[in-house]
Structures are given as C-alpha cells and as structure tokens.
C-alpha atoms as a PDB file:
ATOM      1  CA  MET A   1       2.335  19.795  -7.600  1.00  0.00           C
ATOM      2  CA  LEU A   2       4.210  17.331  -4.336  1.00  0.00           C
ATOM      3  CA  LYS A   3       4.840  14.525  -7.454  1.00  0.00           C
ATOM      4  CA  ALA A   4       6.352  17.096  -9.791  1.00  0.00           C
ATOM      5  CA  ARG A   5       8.529  18.225  -6.629  1.00  0.00           C
ATOM      6  CA  TYR A   6       9.626  15.435  -4.629  1.00  0.00           C
ATOM      7  CA  GLY A   7       8.771  12.263  -7.396  1.00  0.00           C
ATOM      8  CA  GLU A   8       7.141   8.654  -6.401  1.00  0.00           C
ATOM      9  CA  VAL A   9       8.672   5.476  -5.687  1.00  0.00           C
ATOM     10  CA  GLY A  10       6.177   2.620  -5.584  1.00  0.00           C
ATOM     11  CA  GLY A  11       2.875   5.039  -5.907  1.00  0.00           C
ATOM     12  CA  ARG A  12       3.954   7.107  -3.043  1.00  0.00           C
ATOM     13  CA  ILE A  13       5.515  10.620  -3.187  1.00  0.00           C
ATOM     14  CA  LYS A  14       8.932  10.586  -2.151  1.00  0.00           C
ATOM     15  CA  ASP A  15      10.116  11.833   1.828  1.00  0.00           C
ATOM     16  CA  GLY A  16      12.302  14.115  -0.489  1.00  0.00           C
ATOM     17  CA  GLY A  17      14.577  14.349   1.971  1.00  0.00           C
ATOM     18  CA  ASN A  18      17.007  16.715   3.799  1.00  0.00           C
ATOM     19  CA  ASP A  19      16.075  19.086   0.499  1.00  0.00           C
ATOM     20  CA  ALA A  20      12.380  19.060   1.789  1.00  0.00           C
ATOM     21  CA  SER A  21      10.718  21.805   3.205  1.00  0.00           C
ATOM     22  CA  LEU A  22      10.034  21.338   7.188  1.00  0.00           C
ATOM     23  CA  TRP A  23       5.919  21.804   5.856  1.00  0.00           C
ATOM     24  CA  TRP A  24       6.793  18.201   3.790  1.00  0.00           C
ATOM     25  CA  ARG A  25       9.086  16.075   6.520  1.00  0.00           C
ATOM     26  CA  MET A  26       6.811  16.554   9.253  1.00  0.00           C
ATOM     27  CA  ILE A  27       3.937  15.154   6.306  1.00  0.00           C
ATOM     28  CA  CYS A  28       6.466  12.045   5.908  1.00  0.00           C
ATOM     29  CA  ASN A  29       6.768  11.521   9.638  1.00  0.00           C
ATOM     30  CA  VAL A  30       3.342  11.373   9.953  1.00  0.00           C
ATOM     31  CA  ARG A  31       3.049   8.936   7.534  1.00  0.00           C
ATOM     32  CA  GLU A  32       5.303   6.847   8.806  1.00  0.00           C
ATOM     33  CA  GLY A  33       4.239   6.380  12.479  1.00  0.00           C
ATOM     34  CA  VAL A  34       7.030   9.047  13.673  1.00  0.00           C
ATOM     35  CA  GLY A  35       6.857   9.773  17.623  1.00  0.00           C
ATOM     36  CA  SER A  36       3.022   8.937  17.304  1.00  0.00           C
ATOM     37  CA  GLY A  37       3.777   5.918  19.823  1.00  0.00           C
ATOM     38  CA  VAL A  38       1.479   3.862  17.436  1.00  0.00           C
ATOM     39  CA  GLY A  39       3.964   2.654  14.757  1.00  0.00           C
ATOM     40  CA  ASN A  40       2.631   2.915  10.758  1.00  0.00           C
ATOM     41  CA  TRP A  41      -0.881   4.079  12.387  1.00  0.00           C
ATOM     42  CA  PHE A  42      -1.806   5.980   8.904  1.00  0.00           C
ATOM     43  CA  GLU A  43      -0.932   2.989   6.751  1.00  0.00           C
ATOM     44  CA  ASP A  44      -2.680   0.194   9.340  1.00  0.00           C
ATOM     45  CA  ASN A  45      -5.855   2.386   9.578  1.00  0.00           C
ATOM     46  CA  ILE A  46      -6.281   2.536   5.020  1.00  0.00           C
ATOM     47  CA  ARG A  47      -7.062  -0.221   2.700  1.00  0.00           C
ATOM     48  CA  ARG A  48      -8.154   0.293  -0.881  1.00  0.00           C
ATOM     49  CA  VAL A  49     -10.735  -0.754  -2.349  1.00  0.00           C
ATOM     50  CA  VAL A  50     -10.831  -2.151  -6.037  1.00  0.00           C
ATOM     51  CA  GLY A  51     -13.192  -1.506  -8.653  1.00  0.00           C
ATOM     52  CA  ASN A  52     -11.710  -0.895 -12.255  1.00  0.00           C
ATOM     53  CA  GLY A  53      -8.156  -2.124 -11.112  1.00  0.00           C
ATOM     54  CA  LYS A  54      -6.380   1.374 -12.953  1.00  0.00           C
ATOM     55  CA  ASN A  55      -5.524   3.685  -9.504  1.00  0.00           C
ATOM     56  CA  THR A  56      -4.268   0.460  -7.509  1.00  0.00           C
ATOM     57  CA  LEU A  57      -1.147  -1.033  -7.454  1.00  0.00           C
ATOM     58  CA  PHE A  58      -1.199  -4.931  -7.168  1.00  0.00           C
ATOM     59  CA  TRP A  59       1.996  -5.220  -5.342  1.00  0.00           C
ATOM     60  CA  THR A  60       2.272  -2.330  -2.700  1.00  0.00           C
ATOM     61  CA  ASP A  61      -1.179  -1.343  -2.011  1.00  0.00           C
ATOM     62  CA  ASN A  62      -2.835  -2.694   0.980  1.00  0.00           C
ATOM     63  CA  TRP A  63      -5.750  -4.230  -1.539  1.00  0.00           C
ATOM     64  CA  LEU A  64      -6.809  -7.607  -0.760  1.00  0.00           C
ATOM     65  CA  GLY A  65      -6.226  -9.654   2.417  1.00  0.00           C
ATOM     66  CA  GLY A  66      -5.269  -7.684   4.973  1.00  0.00           C
ATOM     67  CA  VAL A  67      -1.858  -6.664   4.021  1.00  0.00           C
ATOM     68  CA  PRO A  68      -0.146  -5.456   0.703  1.00  0.00           C
ATOM     69  CA  LEU A  69       1.115  -8.433  -1.514  1.00  0.00           C
ATOM     70  CA  LYS A  70       4.619  -7.136  -1.515  1.00  0.00           C
ATOM     71  CA  LEU A  71       4.767  -8.140   2.345  1.00  0.00           C
ATOM     72  CA  GLN A  72       2.462 -11.574   1.645  1.00  0.00           C
ATOM     73  CA  PHE A  73       4.707 -12.571  -1.135  1.00  0.00           C
ATOM     74  CA  SER A  74       7.618 -10.560  -0.488  1.00  0.00           C
ATOM     75  CA  ARG A  75      10.055 -13.465  -2.597  1.00  0.00           C
ATOM     76  CA  LEU A  76       7.302 -13.428  -5.405  1.00  0.00           C
ATOM     77  CA  TYR A  77       7.894  -9.280  -4.890  1.00  0.00           C
ATOM     78  CA  GLU A  78      11.684  -9.460  -5.388  1.00  0.00           C
ATOM     79  CA  LEU A  79      11.716 -11.577  -8.334  1.00  0.00           C
ATOM     80  CA  SER A  80       8.977  -9.451 -10.198  1.00  0.00           C
ATOM     81  CA  VAL A  81       9.677  -8.186 -13.002  1.00  0.00           C
ATOM     82  CA  HIS A  82       6.422  -6.000 -12.872  1.00  0.00           C
ATOM     83  CA  LYS A  83       6.433  -4.483  -9.200  1.00  0.00           C
ATOM     84  CA  GLU A  84       5.023  -1.223 -10.489  1.00  0.00           C
ATOM     85  CA  CYS A  85       1.980  -2.313 -12.373  1.00  0.00           C
ATOM     86  CA  SER A  86      -1.882  -1.829 -11.289  1.00  0.00           C
ATOM     87  CA  VAL A  87      -3.997  -4.372 -10.027  1.00  0.00           C
ATOM     88  CA  GLU A  88      -5.342  -3.307 -14.257  1.00  0.00           C
ATOM     89  CA  ASP A  89      -2.681  -3.853 -16.021  1.00  0.00           C
ATOM     90  CA  MET A  90      -2.020  -7.471 -13.950  1.00  0.00           C
ATOM     91  CA  ALA A  91      -5.319  -8.902 -14.575  1.00  0.00           C
ATOM     92  CA  LYS A  92      -4.784  -8.204 -18.215  1.00  0.00           C
ATOM     93  CA  LEU A  93      -1.548  -9.425 -18.611  1.00  0.00           C
ATOM     94  CA  GLY A  94      -3.183 -12.553 -16.598  1.00  0.00           C
ATOM     95  CA  TRP A  95      -2.458 -13.357 -12.894  1.00  0.00           C
ATOM     96  CA  GLU A  96      -3.776 -17.318 -13.280  1.00  0.00           C
ATOM     97  CA  LYS A  97      -1.210 -20.304 -13.410  1.00  0.00           C
ATOM     98  CA  GLY A  98       0.419 -19.384 -16.313  1.00  0.00           C
ATOM     99  CA  GLY A  99      -0.698 -15.987 -17.179  1.00  0.00           C
ATOM    100  CA  HIS A 100       1.668 -13.418 -18.433  1.00  0.00           C
ATOM    101  CA  SER A 101       1.767 -11.126 -14.912  1.00  0.00           C
ATOM    102  CA  TRP A 102       3.873 -13.762 -13.454  1.00  0.00           C
ATOM    103  CA  VAL A 103       7.623 -12.248 -15.701  1.00  0.00           C
ATOM    104  CA  TRP A 104      10.608 -13.530 -13.108  1.00  0.00           C
ATOM    105  CA  ARG A 105      14.418 -12.189 -12.855  1.00  0.00           C
ATOM    106  CA  ARG A 106      15.067 -15.577 -12.463  1.00  0.00           C
ATOM    107  CA  ARG A 107      13.995 -19.314 -13.060  1.00  0.00           C
ATOM    108  CA  LEU A 108      11.884 -20.042 -10.057  1.00  0.00           C
ATOM    109  CA  MET A 109      12.460 -22.307  -7.043  1.00  0.00           C
ATOM    110  CA  VAL A 110       9.980 -24.575  -6.466  1.00  0.00           C
ATOM    111  CA  TRP A 111       8.641 -23.761  -2.975  1.00  0.00           C
ATOM    112  CA  GLU A 112       8.101 -19.724  -5.144  1.00  0.00           C
ATOM    113  CA  GLU A 113       6.075 -21.437  -7.870  1.00  0.00           C
ATOM    114  CA  GLU A 114       4.269 -22.744  -4.639  1.00  0.00           C
ATOM    115  CA  SER A 115       3.813 -18.891  -3.867  1.00  0.00           C
ATOM    116  CA  VAL A 116       2.909 -18.002  -7.330  1.00  0.00           C
ATOM    117  CA  ARG A 117      -0.098 -20.770  -6.806  1.00  0.00           C
ATOM    118  CA  GLU A 118      -1.006 -19.566  -2.983  1.00  0.00           C
ATOM    119  CA  CYS A 119      -0.968 -16.000  -4.970  1.00  0.00           C
ATOM    120  CA  SER A 120      -2.674 -17.169  -7.810  1.00  0.00           C
ATOM    121  CA  VAL A 121      -5.292 -18.871  -5.766  1.00  0.00           C
ATOM    122  CA  LEU A 122      -6.277 -15.211  -3.609  1.00  0.00           C
ATOM    123  CA  LEU A 123      -6.597 -14.032  -7.011  1.00  0.00           C
ATOM    124  CA  SER A 124      -9.008 -15.672  -8.463  1.00  0.00           C
ATOM    125  CA  ASN A 125     -12.126 -14.377  -6.819  1.00  0.00           C
ATOM    126  CA  VAL A 126     -11.083 -10.679  -7.998  1.00  0.00           C
ATOM    127  CA  ILE A 127     -13.278  -9.717 -10.412  1.00  0.00           C
ATOM    128  CA  LEU A 128     -12.846  -6.074 -11.528  1.00  0.00           C
ATOM    129  CA  GLN A 129     -15.649  -4.186 -12.448  1.00  0.00           C
ATOM    130  CA  GLU A 130     -14.945  -1.576 -14.872  1.00  0.00           C
ATOM    131  CA  ASN A 131     -17.043   1.333 -14.303  1.00  0.00           C
ATOM    132  CA  ILE A 132     -16.635   1.514 -10.550  1.00  0.00           C
ATOM    133  CA  GLN A 133     -13.438   3.668  -9.544  1.00  0.00           C
ATOM    134  CA  ASP A 134     -10.968   2.576  -7.345  1.00  0.00           C
ATOM    135  CA  HIS A 135     -11.053   3.707  -3.773  1.00  0.00           C
ATOM    136  CA  TRP A 136      -9.599   3.916  -0.119  1.00  0.00           C
ATOM    137  CA  ARG A 137     -11.495   2.970   2.658  1.00  0.00           C
ATOM    138  CA  TRP A 138     -11.046   4.167   6.617  1.00  0.00           C
ATOM    139  CA  VAL A 139     -10.885   1.173   8.589  1.00  0.00           C
ATOM    140  CA  LEU A 140     -11.878   3.145  11.994  1.00  0.00           C
ATOM    141  CA  ASP A 141     -14.713   4.436  10.436  1.00  0.00           C
ATOM    142  CA  PRO A 142     -15.967   3.173   6.965  1.00  0.00           C
ATOM    143  CA  ILE A 143     -18.979   3.718   6.938  1.00  0.00           C
ATOM    144  CA  HIS A 144     -17.741   8.319   7.310  1.00  0.00           C
ATOM    145  CA  GLY A 145     -14.994   7.823   6.759  1.00  0.00           C
ATOM    146  CA  TYR A 146     -11.429   9.339   7.779  1.00  0.00           C
ATOM    147  CA  SER A 147     -11.971  12.654  10.307  1.00  0.00           C
ATOM    148  CA  VAL A 148      -9.524  14.694  12.078  1.00  0.00           C
ATOM    149  CA  SER A 149     -11.597  14.422  14.991  1.00  0.00           C
ATOM    150  CA  GLY A 150     -11.663  10.487  14.649  1.00  0.00           C
ATOM    151  CA  THR A 151      -8.017  10.523  13.998  1.00  0.00           C
ATOM    152  CA  TYR A 152      -7.591  12.269  17.175  1.00  0.00           C
ATOM    153  CA  ARG A 153      -9.149  10.046  19.547  1.00  0.00           C
ATOM    154  CA  TYR A 154      -7.302   6.890  18.099  1.00  0.00           C
ATOM    155  CA  LEU A 155      -3.971   8.171  18.489  1.00  0.00           C
ATOM    156  CA  SER A 156      -4.972  10.063  21.766  1.00  0.00           C
ATOM    157  CA  SER A 157      -6.168   6.836  23.145  1.00  0.00           C
ATOM    158  CA  ALA A 158      -3.412   4.586  22.021  1.00  0.00           C
ATOM    159  CA  ALA A 159      -1.672   1.938  24.456  1.00  0.00           C
ATOM    160  CA  GLU A 160       1.197   4.096  24.212  1.00  0.00           C
ATOM    161  CA  PRO A 161       1.046   8.075  25.476  1.00  0.00           C
ATOM    162  CA  MET A 162       1.719   9.868  22.620  1.00  0.00           C
ATOM    163  CA  ALA A 163       5.041  12.240  22.491  1.00  0.00           C
ATOM    164  CA  THR A 164       4.196  15.675  22.779  1.00  0.00           C
ATOM    165  CA  SER A 165       5.159  16.368  19.430  1.00  0.00           C
ATOM    166  CA  ALA A 166       4.905  14.048  16.674  1.00  0.00           C
ATOM    167  CA  PHE A 167       7.853  16.216  15.081  1.00  0.00           C
ATOM    168  CA  ASN A 168      10.548  16.142  17.926  1.00  0.00           C
ATOM    169  CA  ASP A 169      12.616  13.985  15.601  1.00  0.00           C
ATOM    170  CA  VAL A 170      12.303  16.275  12.519  1.00  0.00           C
END
C-alpha cells in the first residue's frame, strides 16, 4: 500500500515530501535517524542475508562487506547501467571479469577497471542458494531478531543523549 501511495526509488519507499501524511513523514524521519542522535541507526543495524538473491538489490542493500556496494564502489555505481538489479540478476548476467553485469555508461579508466577487479574478487566467494529466500538480520540481536525493547535500549544508551522527541523536525 505504501509503495503504491508514495512510489519507490532504489528499492525503498519514497518519503513522499510535503504531500505525505504526518505519520509517514515521522516514520521516514526515524528511518533516516532524524532526532535520535545516533545517525542512521536503523540502516546501521540491519544486514541483508542473501539466499537466492531475488529480493536483494545488488548495489543498494547492505549484503556484502558491511556497507552497500554503491558506497564501497561509488564510482562504479555512478557509471553502472544496472543500478536497480537484484543480486540474482547480476549473477545471471555474470559478475566475473568480462561478465555482462559490468555495463557502463562510458569506457572505464584504468583505475576504474581496477575497482571492477576488486569487486569481482569480493563476489567470487558468493554462492546463491536457489531454495533459500533472502532475509534481513537485525545486528543488535541476530538470534532473536528485532524487538521494540531492544531498539529502545540501544537508542536510550547511545553516546549522545536522545532528543526529547525524535520528530521535532517534522
């Protein structure tokens, strides 16, 4: 429903700007860490665990190496034609050297080609598991998963004190 109402960019529901309801703007502010004093606390504490790769975005989800590939290889992301592809799609296209995943808006410079090699080395150990769905892992409690009480403990024990309201800027 939210996707239909606000749209989607990069696998995430848009914030909707001023046309969004107050409720949705508050949720988006929490997602972005506004007012919490701990940065992007939500995104910093989730990881994508890849099974078959169908529901994980190759460049934008945090699934390999601790940060999204679009941050780790930002120049390649900027030049990539396949910005919205899933991990499964990129694997099928071929992410080994010379694979069809690597389609660029222009010819790469030598240092950019080295980044492609680095990325390919990272990907060489990835084995997709056809019968296992991708899922999110809550880093703060990987065994039991997300909980409101665990999140509250994390946010209230942050190094910087929390604002009295996470929504003051709405």
